[in-house]
PDB file of N, CA and C in Angstrom:
ATOM      1  N   MET A   1     -66.508  26.015 -10.874  1.00  0.00           N
ATOM      2  CA  MET A   1     -67.630  26.714 -10.780  1.00  0.00           C
ATOM      3  C   MET A   1     -68.958  26.480 -11.568  1.00  0.00           C
ATOM      4  N   MET A   2     -69.975  26.480 -10.771  1.00  0.00           N
ATOM      5  CA  MET A   2     -71.285  26.070 -11.120  1.00  0.00           C
ATOM      6  C   MET A   2     -71.771  27.521 -12.129  1.00  0.00           C
ATOM      7  N   ASN A   3     -72.694  26.950 -12.965  1.00  0.00           N
ATOM      8  CA  ASN A   3     -73.675  27.581 -13.814  1.00  0.00           C
ATOM      9  C   ASN A   3     -74.499  27.930 -13.435  1.00  0.00           C
ATOM     10  N   VAL A   4     -75.051  29.614 -13.156  1.00  0.00           N
ATOM     11  CA  VAL A   4     -76.268  29.838 -12.894  1.00  0.00           C
ATOM     12  C   VAL A   4     -77.375  29.483 -13.833  1.00  0.00           C
ATOM     13  N   GLU A   5     -78.345  28.773 -13.433  1.00  0.00           N
ATOM     14  CA  GLU A   5     -79.594  28.311 -14.286  1.00  0.00           C
ATOM     15  C   GLU A   5     -80.953  28.837 -13.567  1.00  0.00           C
ATOM     16  N   LEU A   6     -82.080  28.928 -13.978  1.00  0.00           N
ATOM     17  CA  LEU A   6     -83.462  29.356 -13.853  1.00  0.00           C
ATOM     18  C   LEU A   6     -83.665  28.811 -12.203  1.00  0.00           C
ATOM     19  N   ASP A   7     -83.042  27.425 -11.947  1.00  0.00           N
ATOM     20  CA  ASP A   7     -83.608  26.777 -10.642  1.00  0.00           C
ATOM     21  C   ASP A   7     -82.777  27.172  -9.804  1.00  0.00           C
ATOM     22  N   SER A   8     -81.182  27.822 -10.041  1.00  0.00           N
ATOM     23  CA  SER A   8     -80.630  28.294  -9.278  1.00  0.00           C
ATOM     24  C   SER A   8     -81.001  29.168  -8.031  1.00  0.00           C
ATOM     25  N   VAL A   9     -80.456  29.185  -6.970  1.00  0.00           N
ATOM     26  CA  VAL A   9     -80.882  30.025  -5.775  1.00  0.00           C
ATOM     27  C   VAL A   9     -79.579  30.730  -5.779  1.00  0.00           C
ATOM     28  N   VAL A  10     -79.785  32.372  -5.614  1.00  0.00           N
ATOM     29  CA  VAL A  10     -78.310  33.356  -5.951  1.00  0.00           C
ATOM     30  C   VAL A  10     -78.775  34.089  -4.617  1.00  0.00           C
ATOM     31  N   VAL A  11     -77.559  34.603  -4.269  1.00  0.00           N
ATOM     32  CA  VAL A  11     -77.921  35.582  -2.899  1.00  0.00           C
ATOM     33  C   VAL A  11     -76.209  36.295  -3.214  1.00  0.00           C
ATOM     34  N   GLN A  12     -76.412  37.745  -2.613  1.00  0.00           N
ATOM     35  CA  GLN A  12     -75.356  38.459  -2.610  1.00  0.00           C
ATOM     36  C   GLN A  12     -74.236  37.666  -1.803  1.00  0.00           C
ATOM     37  N   GLY A  13     -72.797  38.028  -2.513  1.00  0.00           N
ATOM     38  CA  GLY A  13     -71.800  37.331  -1.979  1.00  0.00           C
ATOM     39  C   GLY A  13     -71.401  38.037  -0.632  1.00  0.00           C
ATOM     40  N   ARG A  14     -70.888  37.916   0.177  1.00  0.00           N
ATOM     41  CA  ARG A  14     -70.070  38.593   1.308  1.00  0.00           C
ATOM     42  C   ARG A  14     -68.878  38.954   1.389  1.00  0.00           C
ATOM     43  N   GLU A  15     -68.163  39.149   0.299  1.00  0.00           N
ATOM     44  CA  GLU A  15     -66.874  40.003   0.186  1.00  0.00           C
ATOM     45  C   GLU A  15     -66.783  41.165  -0.692  1.00  0.00           C
ATOM     46  N   GLN A  16     -67.773  41.784  -0.463  1.00  0.00           N
ATOM     47  CA  GLN A  16     -67.742  42.990  -0.998  1.00  0.00           C
ATOM     48  C   GLN A  16     -68.404  44.305  -0.169  1.00  0.00           C
ATOM     49  N   ILE A  17     -67.898  45.377  -0.739  1.00  0.00           N
ATOM     50  CA  ILE A  17     -68.321  46.401   0.162  1.00  0.00           C
ATOM     51  C   ILE A  17     -69.338  47.382  -1.124  1.00  0.00           C
ATOM     52  N   CYS A  18     -70.659  47.595  -0.775  1.00  0.00           N
ATOM     53  CA  CYS A  18     -71.460  48.474  -1.526  1.00  0.00           C
ATOM     54  C   CYS A  18     -72.174  49.598  -1.099  1.00  0.00           C
ATOM     55  N   ALA A  19     -71.939  50.574  -2.105  1.00  0.00           N
ATOM     56  CA  ALA A  19     -72.896  51.906  -1.994  1.00  0.00           C
ATOM     57  C   ALA A  19     -73.480  52.196  -2.937  1.00  0.00           C
ATOM     58  N   GLU A  20     -74.664  53.053  -2.880  1.00  0.00           N
ATOM     59  CA  GLU A  20     -75.227  53.561  -4.106  1.00  0.00           C
ATOM     60  C   GLU A  20     -74.873  55.160  -4.210  1.00  0.00           C
ATOM     61  N   VAL A  21     -74.197  55.453  -5.426  1.00  0.00           N
ATOM     62  CA  VAL A  21     -73.906  56.424  -6.133  1.00  0.00           C
ATOM     63  C   VAL A  21     -74.564  57.126  -7.328  1.00  0.00           C
ATOM     64  N   ASP A  22     -75.312  58.444  -6.767  1.00  0.00           N
ATOM     65  CA  ASP A  22     -75.994  58.768  -7.897  1.00  0.00           C
ATOM     66  C   ASP A  22     -77.180  57.693  -8.609  1.00  0.00           C
ATOM     67  N   GLY A  23     -77.701  56.934  -7.806  1.00  0.00           N
ATOM     68  CA  GLY A  23     -78.883  56.041  -8.187  1.00  0.00           C
ATOM     69  C   GLY A  23     -78.066  54.853  -8.962  1.00  0.00           C
ATOM     70  N   GLU A  24     -76.795  54.475  -8.761  1.00  0.00           N
ATOM     71  CA  GLU A  24     -76.296  53.488  -9.378  1.00  0.00           C
ATOM     72  C   GLU A  24     -75.788  52.716  -7.866  1.00  0.00           C
ATOM     73  N   VAL A  25     -75.653  51.412  -8.387  1.00  0.00           N
ATOM     74  CA  VAL A  25     -74.699  50.790  -7.343  1.00  0.00           C
ATOM     75  C   VAL A  25     -73.092  50.275  -7.434  1.00  0.00           C
ATOM     76  N   VAL A  26     -72.358  50.993  -6.480  1.00  0.00           N
ATOM     77  CA  VAL A  26     -70.935  50.819  -6.768  1.00  0.00           C
ATOM     78  C   VAL A  26     -70.472  49.773  -5.732  1.00  0.00           C
ATOM     79  N   MET A  27     -69.519  48.587  -6.017  1.00  0.00           N
ATOM     80  CA  MET A  27     -69.175  47.857  -5.099  1.00  0.00           C
ATOM     81  C   MET A  27     -67.515  47.509  -5.443  1.00  0.00           C
ATOM     82  N   MET A  28     -66.668  47.205  -4.228  1.00  0.00           N
ATOM     83  CA  MET A  28     -65.571  46.689  -4.540  1.00  0.00           C
ATOM     84  C   MET A  28     -65.434  45.353  -3.601  1.00  0.00           C
ATOM     85  N   SER A  29     -65.011  44.408  -4.716  1.00  0.00           N
ATOM     86  CA  SER A  29     -64.619  43.045  -4.122  1.00  0.00           C
ATOM     87  C   SER A  29     -63.549  42.826  -3.120  1.00  0.00           C
ATOM     88  N   ILE A  30     -63.600  42.758  -2.140  1.00  0.00           N
ATOM     89  CA  ILE A  30     -62.506  42.863  -0.914  1.00  0.00           C
ATOM     90  C   ILE A  30     -61.638  41.647  -1.200  1.00  0.00           C
ATOM     91  N   ALA A  31     -61.702  40.542  -1.914  1.00  0.00           N
ATOM     92  CA  ALA A  31     -61.385  39.405  -2.025  1.00  0.00           C
ATOM     93  C   ALA A  31     -60.652  39.767  -3.514  1.00  0.00           C
ATOM     94  N   GLN A  32     -60.993  40.374  -4.600  1.00  0.00           N
ATOM     95  CA  GLN A  32     -60.154  40.711  -5.807  1.00  0.00           C
ATOM     96  C   GLN A  32     -59.838  42.108  -5.725  1.00  0.00           C
ATOM     97  N   GLY A  33     -60.287  42.944  -5.086  1.00  0.00           N
ATOM     98  CA  GLY A  33     -59.529  44.256  -5.464  1.00  0.00           C
ATOM     99  C   GLY A  33     -60.378  45.041  -6.497  1.00  0.00           C
ATOM    100  N   ASN A  34     -61.153  44.398  -6.781  1.00  0.00           N
ATOM    101  CA  ASN A  34     -61.757  45.162  -8.292  1.00  0.00           C
ATOM    102  C   ASN A  34     -63.202  46.091  -7.645  1.00  0.00           C
ATOM    103  N   TYR A  35     -63.526  47.062  -8.814  1.00  0.00           N
ATOM    104  CA  TYR A  35     -64.453  47.882  -8.534  1.00  0.00           C
ATOM    105  C   TYR A  35     -65.163  47.422  -9.573  1.00  0.00           C
ATOM    106  N   TYR A  36     -66.729  47.597  -9.296  1.00  0.00           N
ATOM    107  CA  TYR A  36     -67.518  47.221 -10.360  1.00  0.00           C
ATOM    108  C   TYR A  36     -69.029  48.392 -10.174  1.00  0.00           C
ATOM    109  N   GLY A  37     -69.552  48.591 -11.138  1.00  0.00           N
ATOM    110  CA  GLY A  37     -70.564  49.324 -11.070  1.00  0.00           C
ATOM    111  C   GLY A  37     -72.050  48.677 -11.480  1.00  0.00           C
ATOM    112  N   LEU A  38     -73.069  49.005 -11.312  1.00  0.00           N
ATOM    113  CA  LEU A  38     -74.260  48.348 -11.459  1.00  0.00           C
ATOM    114  C   LEU A  38     -75.296  49.890 -11.742  1.00  0.00           C
ATOM    115  N   ASP A  39     -75.470  49.486 -13.057  1.00  0.00           N
ATOM    116  CA  ASP A  39     -76.995  50.378 -13.567  1.00  0.00           C
ATOM    117  C   ASP A  39     -78.323  50.173 -12.724  1.00  0.00           C
ATOM    118  N   SER A  40     -79.432  50.988 -12.883  1.00  0.00           N
ATOM    119  CA  SER A  40     -80.506  51.002 -12.425  1.00  0.00           C
ATOM    120  C   SER A  40     -80.988  49.268 -12.379  1.00  0.00           C
ATOM    121  N   ILE A  41     -80.823  48.660 -13.268  1.00  0.00           N
ATOM    122  CA  ILE A  41     -81.429  47.429 -13.249  1.00  0.00           C
ATOM    123  C   ILE A  41     -80.646  46.625 -12.386  1.00  0.00           C
ATOM    124  N   GLY A  42     -79.122  46.538 -12.842  1.00  0.00           N
ATOM    125  CA  GLY A  42     -78.518  45.711 -11.925  1.00  0.00           C
ATOM    126  C   GLY A  42     -78.533  46.013 -10.618  1.00  0.00           C
ATOM    127  N   GLY A  43     -78.529  47.043 -10.312  1.00  0.00           N
ATOM    128  CA  GLY A  43     -78.893  47.359  -8.946  1.00  0.00           C
ATOM    129  C   GLY A  43     -80.131  47.035  -8.278  1.00  0.00           C
ATOM    130  N   ARG A  44     -81.100  46.933  -8.808  1.00  0.00           N
ATOM    131  CA  ARG A  44     -82.361  46.331  -8.350  1.00  0.00           C
ATOM    132  C   ARG A  44     -82.136  44.959  -8.278  1.00  0.00           C
ATOM    133  N   VAL A  45     -81.678  44.265  -9.234  1.00  0.00           N
ATOM    134  CA  VAL A  45     -81.202  42.916  -9.316  1.00  0.00           C
ATOM    135  C   VAL A  45     -80.412  42.483  -7.697  1.00  0.00           C
ATOM    136  N   TRP A  46     -79.261  43.632  -7.859  1.00  0.00           N
ATOM    137  CA  TRP A  46     -78.649  43.178  -6.367  1.00  0.00           C
ATOM    138  C   TRP A  46     -79.639  43.524  -5.100  1.00  0.00           C
ATOM    139  N   GLU A  47     -80.248  44.331  -5.035  1.00  0.00           N
ATOM    140  CA  GLU A  47     -81.223  44.716  -3.998  1.00  0.00           C
ATOM    141  C   GLU A  47     -81.970  43.357  -3.553  1.00  0.00           C
ATOM    142  N   LEU A  48     -82.639  42.784  -4.735  1.00  0.00           N
ATOM    143  CA  LEU A  48     -83.761  41.697  -4.911  1.00  0.00           C
ATOM    144  C   LEU A  48     -82.966  40.323  -4.419  1.00  0.00           C
ATOM    145  N   ILE A  49     -81.250  40.041  -4.527  1.00  0.00           N
ATOM    146  CA  ILE A  49     -80.828  39.044  -4.103  1.00  0.00           C
ATOM    147  C   ILE A  49     -80.095  39.202  -2.502  1.00  0.00           C
ATOM    148  N   ALA A  50     -80.233  40.448  -1.914  1.00  0.00           N
ATOM    149  CA  ALA A  50     -79.996  40.390  -0.789  1.00  0.00           C
ATOM    150  C   ALA A  50     -80.327  39.350   0.332  1.00  0.00           C
ATOM    151  N   GLU A  51     -81.440  38.263  -0.084  1.00  0.00           N
ATOM    152  CA  GLU A  51     -82.152  37.371   0.558  1.00  0.00           C
ATOM    153  C   GLU A  51     -81.920  36.521  -0.544  1.00  0.00           C
ATOM    154  N   PRO A  52     -81.797  35.262  -0.304  1.00  0.00           N
ATOM    155  CA  PRO A  52     -81.636  33.985  -1.466  1.00  0.00           C
ATOM    156  C   PRO A  52     -82.690  33.907  -2.216  1.00  0.00           C
ATOM    157  N   CYS A  53     -82.747  33.809  -3.293  1.00  0.00           N
ATOM    158  CA  CYS A  53     -83.806  33.951  -4.104  1.00  0.00           C
ATOM    159  C   CYS A  53     -83.421  33.027  -5.453  1.00  0.00           C
ATOM    160  N   SER A  54     -84.397  32.496  -5.997  1.00  0.00           N
ATOM    161  CA  SER A  54     -84.350  31.738  -6.856  1.00  0.00           C
ATOM    162  C   SER A  54     -84.197  32.634  -8.554  1.00  0.00           C
ATOM    163  N   VAL A  55     -83.587  32.229  -9.282  1.00  0.00           N
ATOM    164  CA  VAL A  55     -83.306  32.782 -10.551  1.00  0.00           C
ATOM    165  C   VAL A  55     -84.684  33.168 -11.101  1.00  0.00           C
ATOM    166  N   ARG A  56     -85.659  32.308 -11.251  1.00  0.00           N
ATOM    167  CA  ARG A  56     -86.790  31.902 -11.710  1.00  0.00           C
ATOM    168  C   ARG A  56     -87.839  33.175 -11.217  1.00  0.00           C
ATOM    169  N   GLU A  57     -87.668  33.138  -9.830  1.00  0.00           N
ATOM    170  CA  GLU A  57     -88.517  34.205  -9.321  1.00  0.00           C
ATOM    171  C   GLU A  57     -87.949  35.400  -9.363  1.00  0.00           C
ATOM    172  N   LEU A  58     -86.525  35.592  -9.359  1.00  0.00           N
ATOM    173  CA  LEU A  58     -86.113  36.978  -9.674  1.00  0.00           C
ATOM    174  C   LEU A  58     -86.754  37.511 -10.942  1.00  0.00           C
ATOM    175  N   CYS A  59     -86.549  36.499 -12.101  1.00  0.00           N
ATOM    176  CA  CYS A  59     -87.078  37.250 -13.279  1.00  0.00           C
ATOM    177  C   CYS A  59     -88.746  37.456 -13.420  1.00  0.00           C
ATOM    178  N   GLU A  60     -89.468  36.370 -12.421  1.00  0.00           N
ATOM    179  CA  GLU A  60     -90.729  37.037 -12.323  1.00  0.00           C
ATOM    180  C   GLU A  60     -91.184  38.546 -11.562  1.00  0.00           C
ATOM    181  N   ARG A  61     -90.390  38.678 -10.966  1.00  0.00           N
ATOM    182  CA  ARG A  61     -90.463  40.249 -10.459  1.00  0.00           C
ATOM    183  C   ARG A  61     -89.951  41.172 -11.422  1.00  0.00           C
ATOM    184  N   LEU A  62     -88.907  40.721 -12.018  1.00  0.00           N
ATOM    185  CA  LEU A  62     -88.551  41.743 -13.200  1.00  0.00           C
ATOM    186  C   LEU A  62     -89.348  41.882 -14.420  1.00  0.00           C
ATOM    187  N   VAL A  63     -89.455  41.222 -14.743  1.00  0.00           N
ATOM    188  CA  VAL A  63     -90.662  41.154 -15.972  1.00  0.00           C
ATOM    189  C   VAL A  63     -92.027  42.023 -15.498  1.00  0.00           C
ATOM    190  N   VAL A  64     -92.245  42.148 -14.216  1.00  0.00           N
ATOM    191  CA  VAL A  64     -93.528  42.987 -13.999  1.00  0.00           C
ATOM    192  C   VAL A  64     -92.985  44.390 -13.467  1.00  0.00           C
ATOM    193  N   GLU A  65     -91.646  44.541 -12.838  1.00  0.00           N
ATOM    194  CA  GLU A  65     -91.095  45.945 -12.751  1.00  0.00           C
ATOM    195  C   GLU A  65     -90.807  46.759 -13.783  1.00  0.00           C
ATOM    196  N   PHE A  66     -90.358  45.761 -14.923  1.00  0.00           N
ATOM    197  CA  PHE A  66     -89.700  46.427 -15.896  1.00  0.00           C
ATOM    198  C   PHE A  66     -90.108  46.082 -17.206  1.00  0.00           C
ATOM    199  N   ALA A  67     -91.633  45.773 -17.256  1.00  0.00           N
ATOM    200  CA  ALA A  67     -92.213  45.625 -18.493  1.00  0.00           C
ATOM    201  C   ALA A  67     -91.798  44.963 -19.619  1.00  0.00           C
ATOM    202  N   VAL A  68     -90.859  43.876 -19.497  1.00  0.00           N
ATOM    203  CA  VAL A  68     -89.807  43.242 -20.426  1.00  0.00           C
ATOM    204  C   VAL A  68     -90.585  41.924 -20.378  1.00  0.00           C
ATOM    205  N   ASP A  69     -90.520  41.122 -21.959  1.00  0.00           N
ATOM    206  CA  ASP A  69     -90.626  39.891 -22.015  1.00  0.00           C
ATOM    207  C   ASP A  69     -90.001  38.817 -21.069  1.00  0.00           C
ATOM    208  N   ARG A  70     -90.521  37.827 -21.095  1.00  0.00           N
ATOM    209  CA  ARG A  70     -89.719  37.039 -20.011  1.00  0.00           C
ATOM    210  C   ARG A  70     -88.582  36.136 -20.598  1.00  0.00           C
ATOM    211  N   ALA A  71     -88.695  36.018 -21.807  1.00  0.00           N
ATOM    212  CA  ALA A  71     -87.558  35.241 -22.537  1.00  0.00           C
ATOM    213  C   ALA A  71     -86.209  36.064 -22.438  1.00  0.00           C
ATOM    214  N   THR A  72     -86.542  37.523 -22.941  1.00  0.00           N
ATOM    215  CA  THR A  72     -85.461  38.673 -22.805  1.00  0.00           C
ATOM    216  C   THR A  72     -84.880  38.789 -21.284  1.00  0.00           C
ATOM    217  N   CYS A  73     -85.946  38.954 -20.483  1.00  0.00           N
ATOM    218  CA  CYS A  73     -85.231  38.934 -19.186  1.00  0.00           C
ATOM    219  C   CYS A  73     -84.291  37.424 -18.322  1.00  0.00           C
ATOM    220  N   GLU A  74     -85.025  36.468 -18.908  1.00  0.00           N
ATOM    221  CA  GLU A  74     -84.061  35.305 -18.315  1.00  0.00           C
ATOM    222  C   GLU A  74     -82.799  35.317 -19.114  1.00  0.00           C
ATOM    223  N   ALA A  75     -82.581  35.330 -20.253  1.00  0.00           N
ATOM    224  CA  ALA A  75     -81.759  35.363 -21.111  1.00  0.00           C
ATOM    225  C   ALA A  75     -80.710  36.699 -20.350  1.00  0.00           C
ATOM    226  N   ASP A  76     -81.174  37.764 -20.427  1.00  0.00           N
ATOM    227  CA  ASP A  76     -80.018  38.789 -19.807  1.00  0.00           C
ATOM    228  C   ASP A  76     -79.851  38.431 -18.105  1.00  0.00           C
ATOM    229  N   ILE A  77     -80.787  38.220 -17.541  1.00  0.00           N
ATOM    230  CA  ILE A  77     -80.458  37.875 -16.117  1.00  0.00           C
ATOM    231  C   ILE A  77     -79.296  36.947 -16.087  1.00  0.00           C
ATOM    232  N   LEU A  78     -80.021  35.617 -16.634  1.00  0.00           N
ATOM    233  CA  LEU A  78     -78.867  34.632 -16.625  1.00  0.00           C
ATOM    234  C   LEU A  78     -77.393  34.974 -16.959  1.00  0.00           C
ATOM    235  N   CYS A  79     -77.102  35.712 -17.990  1.00  0.00           N
ATOM    236  CA  CYS A  79     -75.743  36.524 -18.379  1.00  0.00           C
ATOM    237  C   CYS A  79     -75.155  37.199 -17.262  1.00  0.00           C
ATOM    238  N   PHE A  80     -76.156  37.831 -16.924  1.00  0.00           N
ATOM    239  CA  PHE A  80     -75.293  38.859 -15.581  1.00  0.00           C
ATOM    240  C   PHE A  80     -75.200  38.080 -14.422  1.00  0.00           C
ATOM    241  N   LEU A  81     -75.961  37.398 -14.051  1.00  0.00           N
ATOM    242  CA  LEU A  81     -75.726  36.558 -12.864  1.00  0.00           C
ATOM    243  C   LEU A  81     -74.462  35.364 -13.426  1.00  0.00           C
ATOM    244  N   ASN A  82     -74.231  35.038 -14.113  1.00  0.00           N
ATOM    245  CA  ASN A  82     -73.088  34.235 -14.535  1.00  0.00           C
ATOM    246  C   ASN A  82     -71.696  34.926 -14.606  1.00  0.00           C
ATOM    247  N   ASP A  83     -72.154  36.242 -15.109  1.00  0.00           N
ATOM    248  CA  ASP A  83     -70.663  37.057 -15.078  1.00  0.00           C
ATOM    249  C   ASP A  83     -70.808  37.424 -13.604  1.00  0.00           C
ATOM    250  N   MET A  84     -71.551  37.565 -12.634  1.00  0.00           N
ATOM    251  CA  MET A  84     -71.205  37.971 -11.158  1.00  0.00           C
ATOM    252  C   MET A  84     -70.771  37.062 -10.740  1.00  0.00           C
ATOM    253  N   ALA A  85     -71.146  35.676 -10.902  1.00  0.00           N
ATOM    254  CA  ALA A  85     -70.921  34.327 -10.296  1.00  0.00           C
ATOM    255  C   ALA A  85     -69.128  34.003 -10.338  1.00  0.00           C
ATOM    256  N   ALA A  86     -68.973  34.381 -12.066  1.00  0.00           N
ATOM    257  CA  ALA A  86     -67.504  34.170 -12.341  1.00  0.00           C
ATOM    258  C   ALA A  86     -66.545  35.018 -11.422  1.00  0.00           C
ATOM    259  N   GLN A  87     -67.453  36.582 -11.589  1.00  0.00           N
ATOM    260  CA  GLN A  87     -66.389  37.205 -10.378  1.00  0.00           C
ATOM    261  C   GLN A  87     -66.284  37.267  -8.832  1.00  0.00           C
ATOM    262  N   LYS A  88     -67.149  36.035  -8.606  1.00  0.00           N
ATOM    263  CA  LYS A  88     -67.286  35.694  -7.002  1.00  0.00           C
ATOM    264  C   LYS A  88     -67.996  36.679  -6.388  1.00  0.00           C
ATOM    265  N   LEU A  89     -69.043  37.656  -6.901  1.00  0.00           N
ATOM    266  CA  LEU A  89     -69.804  38.480  -6.371  1.00  0.00           C
ATOM    267  C   LEU A  89     -71.159  37.950  -5.850  1.00  0.00           C
ATOM    268  N   ILE A  90     -71.250  36.972  -6.129  1.00  0.00           N
ATOM    269  CA  ILE A  90     -72.754  36.018  -5.435  1.00  0.00           C
ATOM    270  C   ILE A  90     -72.369  34.598  -5.573  1.00  0.00           C
ATOM    271  N   ASP A  91     -73.220  34.024  -4.361  1.00  0.00           N
ATOM    272  CA  ASP A  91     -73.043  32.683  -3.963  1.00  0.00           C
ATOM    273  C   ASP A  91     -74.282  32.044  -4.435  1.00  0.00           C
ATOM    274  N   THR A  92     -73.963  30.845  -5.399  1.00  0.00           N
ATOM    275  CA  THR A  92     -75.110  30.130  -5.696  1.00  0.00           C
ATOM    276  C   THR A  92     -75.370  28.758  -5.520  1.00  0.00           C
ATOM    277  N   ARG A  93     -76.433  28.297  -5.451  1.00  0.00           N
ATOM    278  CA  ARG A  93     -76.711  26.656  -4.995  1.00  0.00           C
ATOM    279  C   ARG A  93     -77.670  26.286  -6.119  1.00  0.00           C
ATOM    280  N   THR A  94     -77.975  24.980  -6.456  1.00  0.00           N
ATOM    281  CA  THR A  94     -78.827  24.619  -6.857  1.00  0.00           C
ATOM    282  C   THR A  94     -79.632  23.696  -6.001  1.00  0.00           C
ATOM    283  N   ASP A  95     -80.811  23.797  -5.719  1.00  0.00           N
ATOM    284  CA  ASP A  95     -81.754  23.101  -5.064  1.00  0.00           C
ATOM    285  C   ASP A  95     -82.170  21.810  -5.479  1.00  0.00           C
TER     286      ASP A  95
END
């Protein structure tokens, strides 16, 4: 499995069913049979990666939207996306 890095391009995987419930995104992995819940920030990341997006571009948007410093955003998003990649919830590539 490839590590997600700032130059990686990420997009939602196609193997899950998602819905918004009380302001949170809940999803079920069809391939793995696992349920996942995303808070408002995770849900926003999920929404932004509906189309392929570089992690760097994603962080640029989140820094503005959530008024967080870039280093914290990048570290948190890389951790989050690597966890999602490990669960096969996203597809990644490095250009």
